[in-house]
Protein backbone atom coordinates (compact mmCIF):
# COMPACT_ATOMS: atom_id res chain seq x y z
CA MET A 1 40.09 -64.67 212.15
CA PRO A 2 41.89 -67.15 209.87
CA SER A 3 45.02 -68.84 211.02
CA LEU A 4 48.37 -67.47 209.88
CA LEU A 5 49.02 -70.89 208.33
CA LEU A 6 46.08 -70.50 205.97
CA ARG A 7 47.18 -68.69 202.87
CA PRO A 8 46.84 -69.39 199.16
CA GLY A 9 48.81 -72.43 198.05
CA VAL A 10 48.69 -74.27 201.39
CA THR A 11 47.18 -77.77 201.45
CA VAL A 12 44.56 -78.61 204.06
CA ARG A 13 42.09 -81.33 204.92
CA LEU A 14 38.52 -81.06 206.11
CA LYS A 15 37.78 -82.35 209.58
CA LYS A 16 36.59 -85.98 209.31
CA GLN A 17 37.69 -86.10 205.65
CA PRO A 18 38.10 -89.71 204.48
CA ARG A 19 41.72 -90.80 204.00
CA HIS A 20 41.17 -91.72 200.33
CA VAL A 21 40.17 -88.13 199.43
CA PRO A 22 43.22 -86.01 198.49
CA ASP A 23 44.13 -82.80 200.33
CA PHE A 24 42.51 -79.54 199.30
CA LEU A 25 44.39 -76.48 198.07
CA VAL A 26 43.62 -73.10 199.67
CA MET A 27 42.77 -70.52 197.02
CA ALA A 28 41.84 -67.56 199.25
CA CYS A 29 40.97 -66.62 202.84
CA GLU A 30 38.81 -63.80 204.12
CA SER A 31 37.43 -63.31 207.61
CA ASP A 32 36.31 -66.76 208.85
CA ARG A 33 36.02 -68.32 205.36
CA ALA A 34 38.42 -70.16 203.08
CA TRP A 35 37.96 -71.02 199.42
CA ILE A 36 39.43 -74.45 198.69
CA ARG A 37 39.56 -76.82 195.74
CA GLN A 38 41.08 -80.11 194.69
CA PRO A 39 44.22 -79.68 192.54
CA ASP A 40 42.58 -81.70 189.75
CA TRP A 41 39.48 -79.49 189.66
CA PRO A 42 39.16 -76.59 187.19
CA GLN A 43 40.14 -73.19 188.70
CA HIS A 44 36.56 -71.89 188.71
CA ILE A 45 35.25 -74.73 190.92
CA GLN A 46 35.88 -74.00 194.59
CA LEU A 47 34.26 -74.73 197.93
CA CYS A 48 33.69 -71.97 200.48
CA VAL A 49 34.08 -73.36 204.01
CA ARG A 50 34.46 -71.94 207.49
CA VAL A 51 38.01 -71.98 208.79
CA THR A 52 36.80 -74.05 211.75
CA GLN A 53 35.90 -76.88 209.33
CA LEU A 54 39.53 -77.30 208.30
CA ALA A 55 42.09 -79.58 209.91
CA VAL A 56 45.38 -77.78 209.32
CA PRO A 57 48.34 -80.15 209.75
CA PHE A 58 50.98 -79.10 212.24
CA LEU A 59 54.26 -78.00 210.71
CA GLN A 60 57.34 -79.77 211.96
CA VAL A 61 60.16 -77.40 212.73
CA VAL A 62 63.58 -78.91 212.18
CA GLN A 63 66.41 -77.38 214.14
CA GLN A 64 69.83 -77.41 212.58
CA THR A 65 72.74 -77.89 214.90
CA ALA A 66 76.03 -76.16 214.28
CA PRO A 67 78.74 -78.53 213.04
């Protein structure tokens, strides 16, 4: 089952992806697959990868304190 963080428009990296390669953009998710592409690629060119191949960055939650 795909992570709740994986939805269209989210940027991800492949596991062991070289630093010089830009992040990928998630286009769609279904079951254990995600369709990703580079932002500079044409819309019709996408890679289909297993969700387990993706390294989703952790989101930092910022707490606001009351003034």
